[in-house]
Amino acid sequence: MAFVEVSDINKVYQPDGAGSEVRVVSGVSLEIGEGEFVCLMGPSGSGKSTLLTIVGAMNHPSAGSVSIDGIDVYRLSEERRADFRREYLGFVFQQHHLMPYLNTIENVMLPFAASPGSARQKRERAMTALESVGLADKSSRLPNQLSGGEQGRLAIARAIVNQAPLILADEPTGTLDTQTGSEIMEVFLSLNRLGQTIFMVTHNPENAKLADRTVHMLDGRLICGTAEERAM
């Protein structure tokens, strides 16, 4: 059994008023193995980010199912699904959503807000996460005192602090220069080499080449082969 199983997912939005429905995701099925690094590519508006939020237990599909580690995510209650996100998923977004008034280690500790455990234990785990991305020596700095690449690594540390088995990343290098983006990708690759499962949306073909596998999306559907292969 695959670690992530996406089965015949559809997502349809019904505009207010008399407008016709908008189909964003159509009949998507996808499997991701435990420890696999999969990239999702496609043009803007193809449904990539919508699919990522559905896999991330944040966006209920109109039809179909998502199973992670054998758990049917959308059969869970809202409360249990929130617990599931905290236990199973780490999110890294293009806009890192760092809290500007919290220092580095406090930002990493945010996922612990509703978790049991002492403040000391949480701080120790946050420091371990910072060490894994090379930011242990900047634990007291505010986000605006970090470079773009350091802010990206901070976002990754926050995503892994709960030791979530699946990281979902939406264009994590999209706003970064080439060198800084390469540094962020190296962090993801290091995590993957340690067994971390990663599902990443990217527009960058160089990033996609580093993954174990790349899938392509167009007009809400997964399509076979790369753009070059389809042109042959």
C-alpha atoms as a PDB file:
ATOM      1  CA  MET A   1       0.000   0.000   0.000  1.00  0.00           C
ATOM      2  CA  ALA A   2       1.299   3.474  -0.919  1.00  0.00           C
ATOM      3  CA  PHE A   3       1.847   5.938   1.904  1.00  0.00           C
ATOM      4  CA  VAL A   4      -0.318   8.539   0.101  1.00  0.00           C
ATOM      5  CA  GLU A   5      -3.235   7.375  -2.050  1.00  0.00           C
ATOM      6  CA  VAL A   6      -5.257   9.962  -3.946  1.00  0.00           C
ATOM      7  CA  SER A   7      -8.235   8.281  -5.615  1.00  0.00           C
ATOM      8  CA  ASP A   8     -10.366   9.877  -8.351  1.00  0.00           C
ATOM      9  CA  ILE A   9     -10.341  13.357  -6.802  1.00  0.00           C
ATOM     10  CA  ASN A  10     -12.648  16.025  -8.184  1.00  0.00           C
ATOM     11  CA  LYS A  11     -13.008  19.597  -6.967  1.00  0.00           C
ATOM     12  CA  VAL A  12     -15.821  21.772  -8.246  1.00  0.00           C
ATOM     13  CA  TYR A  13     -16.640  25.313  -7.135  1.00  0.00           C
ATOM     14  CA  GLN A  14     -20.142  26.670  -7.583  1.00  0.00           C
ATOM     15  CA  PRO A  15     -20.060  30.472  -7.953  1.00  0.00           C
ATOM     16  CA  ASP A  16     -22.713  32.559  -6.240  1.00  0.00           C
ATOM     17  CA  GLY A  17     -25.682  33.408  -8.394  1.00  0.00           C
ATOM     18  CA  ALA A  18     -26.420  31.805 -11.734  1.00  0.00           C
ATOM     19  CA  GLY A  19     -22.837  31.243 -12.858  1.00  0.00           C
ATOM     20  CA  SER A  20     -21.796  27.833 -14.122  1.00  0.00           C
ATOM     21  CA  GLU A  21     -19.688  25.583 -11.938  1.00  0.00           C
ATOM     22  CA  VAL A  22     -15.891  25.734 -12.114  1.00  0.00           C
ATOM     23  CA  ARG A  23     -14.117  22.372 -12.196  1.00  0.00           C
ATOM     24  CA  VAL A  24     -10.595  22.789 -10.813  1.00  0.00           C
ATOM     25  CA  VAL A  25      -9.518  19.163 -10.340  1.00  0.00           C
ATOM     26  CA  SER A  26     -10.894  16.333 -12.484  1.00  0.00           C
ATOM     27  CA  GLY A  27     -10.483  12.627 -11.765  1.00  0.00           C
ATOM     28  CA  VAL A  28      -6.986  12.790 -10.283  1.00  0.00           C
ATOM     29  CA  SER A  29      -5.472   9.604  -8.885  1.00  0.00           C
ATOM     30  CA  LEU A  30      -1.933   9.483  -7.535  1.00  0.00           C
ATOM     31  CA  GLU A  31       0.183   7.311  -5.261  1.00  0.00           C
ATOM     32  CA  ILE A  32       3.273   8.398  -3.318  1.00  0.00           C
ATOM     33  CA  GLY A  33       5.469   5.852  -1.594  1.00  0.00           C
ATOM     34  CA  GLU A  34       6.883   6.290   1.881  1.00  0.00           C
ATOM     35  CA  GLY A  35      10.191   8.152   1.651  1.00  0.00           C
ATOM     36  CA  GLU A  36       9.539   9.272  -1.928  1.00  0.00           C
ATOM     37  CA  PHE A  37      10.180  12.814  -3.201  1.00  0.00           C
ATOM     38  CA  VAL A  38       7.551  13.718  -5.813  1.00  0.00           C
ATOM     39  CA  CYS A  39       7.266  17.029  -7.669  1.00  0.00           C
ATOM     40  CA  LEU A  40       4.072  18.320  -9.265  1.00  0.00           C
ATOM     41  CA  MET A  41       4.439  20.652 -12.261  1.00  0.00           C
ATOM     42  CA  GLY A  42       2.028  22.464 -14.545  1.00  0.00           C
ATOM     43  CA  PRO A  43       1.072  25.939 -15.761  1.00  0.00           C
ATOM     44  CA  SER A  44      -0.619  28.490 -13.514  1.00  0.00           C
ATOM     45  CA  GLY A  45      -4.277  27.660 -13.043  1.00  0.00           C
ATOM     46  CA  SER A  46      -3.821  23.960 -13.735  1.00  0.00           C
ATOM     47  CA  GLY A  47      -5.034  22.950 -10.260  1.00  0.00           C
ATOM     48  CA  LYS A  48      -1.673  22.150  -8.625  1.00  0.00           C
ATOM     49  CA  SER A  49      -2.126  24.165  -5.447  1.00  0.00           C
ATOM     50  CA  THR A  50      -5.733  23.037  -5.092  1.00  0.00           C
ATOM     51  CA  LEU A  51      -4.620  19.408  -5.271  1.00  0.00           C
ATOM     52  CA  LEU A  52      -1.908  20.092  -2.694  1.00  0.00           C
ATOM     53  CA  THR A  53      -4.437  21.576  -0.251  1.00  0.00           C
ATOM     54  CA  ILE A  54      -6.709  18.566  -0.780  1.00  0.00           C
ATOM     55  CA  VAL A  55      -3.836  16.180   0.003  1.00  0.00           C
ATOM     56  CA  GLY A  56      -3.069  18.438   2.966  1.00  0.00           C
ATOM     57  CA  ALA A  57      -6.489  17.817   4.566  1.00  0.00           C
ATOM     58  CA  MET A  58      -7.398  21.500   4.187  1.00  0.00           C
ATOM     59  CA  ASN A  59      -9.779  21.472   1.216  1.00  0.00           C
ATOM     60  CA  HIS A  60     -12.591  18.910   1.110  1.00  0.00           C
ATOM     61  CA  PRO A  61     -12.873  17.385  -2.386  1.00  0.00           C
ATOM     62  CA  SER A  62     -16.198  17.324  -4.199  1.00  0.00           C
ATOM     63  CA  ALA A  63     -15.643  13.618  -4.875  1.00  0.00           C
ATOM     64  CA  GLY A  64     -12.943  11.013  -4.347  1.00  0.00           C
ATOM     65  CA  SER A  65     -10.772  10.126  -1.378  1.00  0.00           C
ATOM     66  CA  VAL A  66      -7.357  10.807   0.139  1.00  0.00           C
ATOM     67  CA  SER A  67      -5.668   8.171   2.283  1.00  0.00           C
ATOM     68  CA  ILE A  68      -2.429   8.837   4.171  1.00  0.00           C
ATOM     69  CA  ASP A  69      -0.795   5.997   6.076  1.00  0.00           C
ATOM     70  CA  GLY A  70      -4.028   4.047   5.690  1.00  0.00           C
ATOM     71  CA  ILE A  71      -6.176   6.838   7.167  1.00  0.00           C
ATOM     72  CA  ASP A  72      -9.086   8.081   5.037  1.00  0.00           C
ATOM     73  CA  VAL A  73      -8.537  11.780   5.704  1.00  0.00           C
ATOM     74  CA  TYR A  74     -11.952  13.136   4.753  1.00  0.00           C
ATOM     75  CA  ARG A  75     -13.852  10.547   6.766  1.00  0.00           C
ATOM     76  CA  LEU A  76     -12.398  12.133   9.893  1.00  0.00           C
ATOM     77  CA  SER A  77     -14.355  14.728  11.841  1.00  0.00           C
ATOM     78  CA  GLU A  78     -13.235  18.350  11.529  1.00  0.00           C
ATOM     79  CA  GLU A  79     -11.637  18.197  14.972  1.00  0.00           C
ATOM     80  CA  ARG A  80      -9.839  14.932  14.310  1.00  0.00           C
ATOM     81  CA  ARG A  81      -8.696  16.175  10.897  1.00  0.00           C
ATOM     82  CA  ALA A  82      -7.094  19.184  12.578  1.00  0.00           C
ATOM     83  CA  ASP A  83      -5.249  16.780  14.891  1.00  0.00           C
ATOM     84  CA  PHE A  84      -4.264  14.721  11.860  1.00  0.00           C
ATOM     85  CA  ARG A  85      -2.717  17.754  10.122  1.00  0.00           C
ATOM     86  CA  ARG A  86      -0.673  18.535  13.209  1.00  0.00           C
ATOM     87  CA  GLU A  87       0.540  14.944  13.623  1.00  0.00           C
ATOM     88  CA  TYR A  88       1.094  13.897  10.016  1.00  0.00           C
ATOM     89  CA  LEU A  89       1.733  16.965   7.872  1.00  0.00           C
ATOM     90  CA  GLY A  90       4.311  19.728   7.612  1.00  0.00           C
ATOM     91  CA  PHE A  91       3.592  22.662   5.307  1.00  0.00           C
ATOM     92  CA  VAL A  92       6.072  24.929   3.497  1.00  0.00           C
ATOM     93  CA  PHE A  93       4.628  27.728   1.377  1.00  0.00           C
ATOM     94  CA  GLN A  94       6.090  30.233  -1.087  1.00  0.00           C
ATOM     95  CA  GLN A  95       5.161  33.015   1.319  1.00  0.00           C
ATOM     96  CA  HIS A  96       6.659  31.581   4.472  1.00  0.00           C
ATOM     97  CA  HIS A  97       4.030  33.049   6.852  1.00  0.00           C
ATOM     98  CA  LEU A  98       6.602  33.673   9.565  1.00  0.00           C
ATOM     99  CA  MET A  99       5.457  35.663  12.590  1.00  0.00           C
ATOM    100  CA  PRO A 100       7.518  38.903  12.447  1.00  0.00           C
ATOM    101  CA  TYR A 101       7.255  39.570  16.189  1.00  0.00           C
ATOM    102  CA  LEU A 102       8.507  36.092  17.184  1.00  0.00           C
ATOM    103  CA  ASN A 103      12.151  35.116  17.050  1.00  0.00           C
ATOM    104  CA  THR A 104      13.443  32.136  15.119  1.00  0.00           C
ATOM    105  CA  ILE A 105      12.969  29.474  17.767  1.00  0.00           C
ATOM    106  CA  GLU A 106       9.556  30.844  18.753  1.00  0.00           C
ATOM    107  CA  ASN A 107       8.423  30.595  15.110  1.00  0.00           C
ATOM    108  CA  VAL A 108       9.519  26.961  15.011  1.00  0.00           C
ATOM    109  CA  MET A 109       7.608  26.254  18.238  1.00  0.00           C
ATOM    110  CA  LEU A 110       4.295  27.506  16.799  1.00  0.00           C
ATOM    111  CA  PRO A 111       3.049  24.017  15.798  1.00  0.00           C
ATOM    112  CA  PHE A 112       3.339  23.028  19.475  1.00  0.00           C
ATOM    113  CA  ALA A 113       0.717  25.588  20.521  1.00  0.00           C
ATOM    114  CA  ALA A 114      -1.986  22.950  21.010  1.00  0.00           C
ATOM    115  CA  SER A 115       0.337  20.058  21.863  1.00  0.00           C
ATOM    116  CA  PRO A 116       1.012  18.567  25.298  1.00  0.00           C
ATOM    117  CA  GLY A 117       4.478  18.671  26.800  1.00  0.00           C
ATOM    118  CA  SER A 118       6.629  21.048  28.789  1.00  0.00           C
ATOM    119  CA  ALA A 119       7.997  24.303  27.389  1.00  0.00           C
ATOM    120  CA  ARG A 120      11.498  22.897  27.868  1.00  0.00           C
ATOM    121  CA  GLN A 121      10.747  19.802  25.775  1.00  0.00           C
ATOM    122  CA  LYS A 122       9.204  21.908  23.023  1.00  0.00           C
ATOM    123  CA  ARG A 123      12.163  24.255  22.986  1.00  0.00           C
ATOM    124  CA  GLU A 124      14.609  21.348  22.775  1.00  0.00           C
ATOM    125  CA  ARG A 125      12.730  19.867  19.815  1.00  0.00           C
ATOM    126  CA  ALA A 126      12.623  23.263  18.117  1.00  0.00           C
ATOM    127  CA  MET A 127      16.380  23.635  18.558  1.00  0.00           C
ATOM    128  CA  THR A 128      16.906  20.177  17.052  1.00  0.00           C
ATOM    129  CA  ALA A 129      14.865  21.239  14.015  1.00  0.00           C
ATOM    130  CA  LEU A 130      16.900  24.438  13.695  1.00  0.00           C
ATOM    131  CA  GLU A 131      20.123  22.446  13.882  1.00  0.00           C
ATOM    132  CA  SER A 132      18.926  20.207  11.059  1.00  0.00           C
ATOM    133  CA  VAL A 133      18.562  23.229   8.734  1.00  0.00           C
ATOM    134  CA  GLY A 134      21.714  25.017   9.907  1.00  0.00           C
ATOM    135  CA  LEU A 135      20.074  27.809  11.926  1.00  0.00           C
ATOM    136  CA  ALA A 136      20.914  26.828  15.498  1.00  0.00           C
ATOM    137  CA  ASP A 137      23.201  29.844  15.878  1.00  0.00           C
ATOM    138  CA  LYS A 138      20.393  32.245  14.886  1.00  0.00           C
ATOM    139  CA  SER A 139      17.680  31.042  17.224  1.00  0.00           C
ATOM    140  CA  SER A 140      17.167  34.472  18.834  1.00  0.00           C
ATOM    141  CA  ARG A 141      16.926  36.510  15.634  1.00  0.00           C
ATOM    142  CA  LEU A 142      13.698  37.933  14.256  1.00  0.00           C
ATOM    143  CA  PRO A 143      12.668  36.915  10.720  1.00  0.00           C
ATOM    144  CA  ASN A 144      13.623  40.335   9.290  1.00  0.00           C
ATOM    145  CA  GLN A 145      17.150  39.733  10.557  1.00  0.00           C
ATOM    146  CA  LEU A 146      17.476  36.642   8.356  1.00  0.00           C
ATOM    147  CA  SER A 147      18.296  36.392   4.666  1.00  0.00           C
ATOM    148  CA  GLY A 148      15.723  35.039   2.199  1.00  0.00           C
ATOM    149  CA  GLY A 149      17.380  31.644   2.224  1.00  0.00           C
ATOM    150  CA  GLU A 150      17.479  31.577   6.021  1.00  0.00           C
ATOM    151  CA  GLN A 151      13.779  32.438   6.156  1.00  0.00           C
ATOM    152  CA  GLY A 152      13.125  29.518   3.803  1.00  0.00           C
ATOM    153  CA  ARG A 153      15.113  27.181   6.021  1.00  0.00           C
ATOM    154  CA  LEU A 154      13.221  28.502   9.046  1.00  0.00           C
ATOM    155  CA  ALA A 155       9.933  27.632   7.339  1.00  0.00           C
ATOM    156  CA  ILE A 156      11.239  24.104   6.750  1.00  0.00           C
ATOM    157  CA  ALA A 157      12.313  23.778  10.391  1.00  0.00           C
ATOM    158  CA  ARG A 158       8.798  24.739  11.475  1.00  0.00           C
ATOM    159  CA  ALA A 159       7.374  22.119   9.085  1.00  0.00           C
ATOM    160  CA  ILE A 160       9.500  19.286  10.481  1.00  0.00           C
ATOM    161  CA  VAL A 161       9.499  20.143  14.188  1.00  0.00           C
ATOM    162  CA  ASN A 162       6.527  17.838  14.858  1.00  0.00           C
ATOM    163  CA  GLN A 163       8.370  15.034  13.050  1.00  0.00           C
ATOM    164  CA  ALA A 164       5.481  14.849  10.591  1.00  0.00           C
ATOM    165  CA  PRO A 165       5.970  11.994   8.115  1.00  0.00           C
ATOM    166  CA  LEU A 166       4.801  14.023   5.083  1.00  0.00           C
ATOM    167  CA  ILE A 167       5.992  17.465   3.965  1.00  0.00           C
ATOM    168  CA  LEU A 168       3.840  19.398   1.500  1.00  0.00           C
ATOM    169  CA  ALA A 169       5.618  22.297  -0.198  1.00  0.00           C
ATOM    170  CA  ASP A 170       4.016  24.864  -2.514  1.00  0.00           C
ATOM    171  CA  GLU A 171       6.615  26.705  -4.641  1.00  0.00           C
ATOM    172  CA  PRO A 172       9.080  26.984  -1.717  1.00  0.00           C
ATOM    173  CA  THR A 173      11.769  28.553  -3.947  1.00  0.00           C
ATOM    174  CA  GLY A 174       9.427  30.643  -6.082  1.00  0.00           C
ATOM    175  CA  THR A 175      10.495  34.035  -4.707  1.00  0.00           C
ATOM    176  CA  LEU A 176      14.188  33.203  -4.258  1.00  0.00           C
ATOM    177  CA  ASP A 177      17.206  33.772  -6.476  1.00  0.00           C
ATOM    178  CA  THR A 178      18.854  30.752  -8.082  1.00  0.00           C
ATOM    179  CA  GLN A 179      21.600  30.275  -5.500  1.00  0.00           C
ATOM    180  CA  THR A 180      19.280  30.672  -2.519  1.00  0.00           C
ATOM    181  CA  GLY A 181      16.728  28.369  -4.128  1.00  0.00           C
ATOM    182  CA  SER A 182      19.432  25.741  -4.584  1.00  0.00           C
ATOM    183  CA  GLU A 183      20.260  25.973  -0.874  1.00  0.00           C
ATOM    184  CA  ILE A 184      16.617  25.362   0.025  1.00  0.00           C
ATOM    185  CA  MET A 185      16.425  22.389  -2.334  1.00  0.00           C
ATOM    186  CA  GLU A 186      19.510  20.905  -0.715  1.00  0.00           C
ATOM    187  CA  VAL A 187      17.729  21.026   2.645  1.00  0.00           C
ATOM    188  CA  PHE A 188      14.775  19.133   1.154  1.00  0.00           C
ATOM    189  CA  LEU A 189      17.116  16.580  -0.412  1.00  0.00           C
ATOM    190  CA  SER A 190      18.923  16.082   2.886  1.00  0.00           C
ATOM    191  CA  LEU A 191      15.618  15.443   4.628  1.00  0.00           C
ATOM    192  CA  ASN A 192      14.571  13.056   1.879  1.00  0.00           C
ATOM    193  CA  ARG A 193      17.812  11.107   2.199  1.00  0.00           C
ATOM    194  CA  LEU A 194      16.866  10.590   5.849  1.00  0.00           C
ATOM    195  CA  GLY A 195      13.557   9.060   4.777  1.00  0.00           C
ATOM    196  CA  GLN A 196      11.247  12.103   4.706  1.00  0.00           C
ATOM    197  CA  THR A 197       8.330  11.874   2.264  1.00  0.00           C
ATOM    198  CA  ILE A 198       7.934  15.097   0.250  1.00  0.00           C
ATOM    199  CA  PHE A 199       5.264  16.273  -2.191  1.00  0.00           C
ATOM    200  CA  MET A 200       6.259  19.582  -3.804  1.00  0.00           C
ATOM    201  CA  VAL A 201       4.584  21.910  -6.282  1.00  0.00           C
ATOM    202  CA  THR A 202       7.124  23.726  -8.443  1.00  0.00           C
ATOM    203  CA  HIS A 203       7.415  25.676 -11.687  1.00  0.00           C
ATOM    204  CA  ASN A 204      11.178  25.134 -11.725  1.00  0.00           C
ATOM    205  CA  PRO A 205      12.289  22.236 -13.958  1.00  0.00           C
ATOM    206  CA  GLU A 206      15.709  22.200 -12.270  1.00  0.00           C
ATOM    207  CA  ASN A 207      14.035  21.524  -8.941  1.00  0.00           C
ATOM    208  CA  ALA A 208      11.911  18.797 -10.490  1.00  0.00           C
ATOM    209  CA  LYS A 209      15.000  17.025 -11.835  1.00  0.00           C
ATOM    210  CA  LEU A 210      16.171  16.522  -8.252  1.00  0.00           C
ATOM    211  CA  ALA A 211      13.029  14.638  -7.218  1.00  0.00           C
ATOM    212  CA  ASP A 212      12.523  10.894  -7.468  1.00  0.00           C
ATOM    213  CA  ARG A 213       9.578  11.464  -9.775  1.00  0.00           C
ATOM    214  CA  THR A 214       7.698  14.322 -11.426  1.00  0.00           C
ATOM    215  CA  VAL A 215       4.012  14.339 -12.328  1.00  0.00           C
ATOM    216  CA  HIS A 216       2.396  16.950 -14.567  1.00  0.00           C
ATOM    217  CA  MET A 217      -0.979  18.614 -14.349  1.00  0.00           C
ATOM    218  CA  LEU A 218      -2.971  20.461 -17.012  1.00  0.00           C
ATOM    219  CA  ASP A 219      -6.534  21.761 -16.828  1.00  0.00           C
ATOM    220  CA  GLY A 220      -7.178  19.920 -13.592  1.00  0.00           C
ATOM    221  CA  ARG A 221      -5.949  16.546 -14.793  1.00  0.00           C
ATOM    222  CA  LEU A 222      -2.738  14.591 -14.419  1.00  0.00           C
ATOM    223  CA  ILE A 223      -1.103  14.020 -17.800  1.00  0.00           C
ATOM    224  CA  CYS A 224       1.484  11.479 -18.900  1.00  0.00           C
ATOM    225  CA  GLY A 225       5.115  12.371 -19.658  1.00  0.00           C
ATOM    226  CA  THR A 226       7.035  15.632 -19.678  1.00  0.00           C
ATOM    227  CA  ALA A 227       6.313  18.529 -21.992  1.00  0.00           C
ATOM    228  CA  GLU A 228       9.277  17.468 -24.146  1.00  0.00           C
ATOM    229  CA  GLU A 229       8.055  13.861 -24.353  1.00  0.00           C
ATOM    230  CA  ARG A 230       4.538  14.963 -25.337  1.00  0.00           C
ATOM    231  CA  ALA A 231       5.974  17.173 -28.102  1.00  0.00           C
ATOM    232  CA  MET A 232       7.798  14.238 -29.730  1.00  0.00           C
END
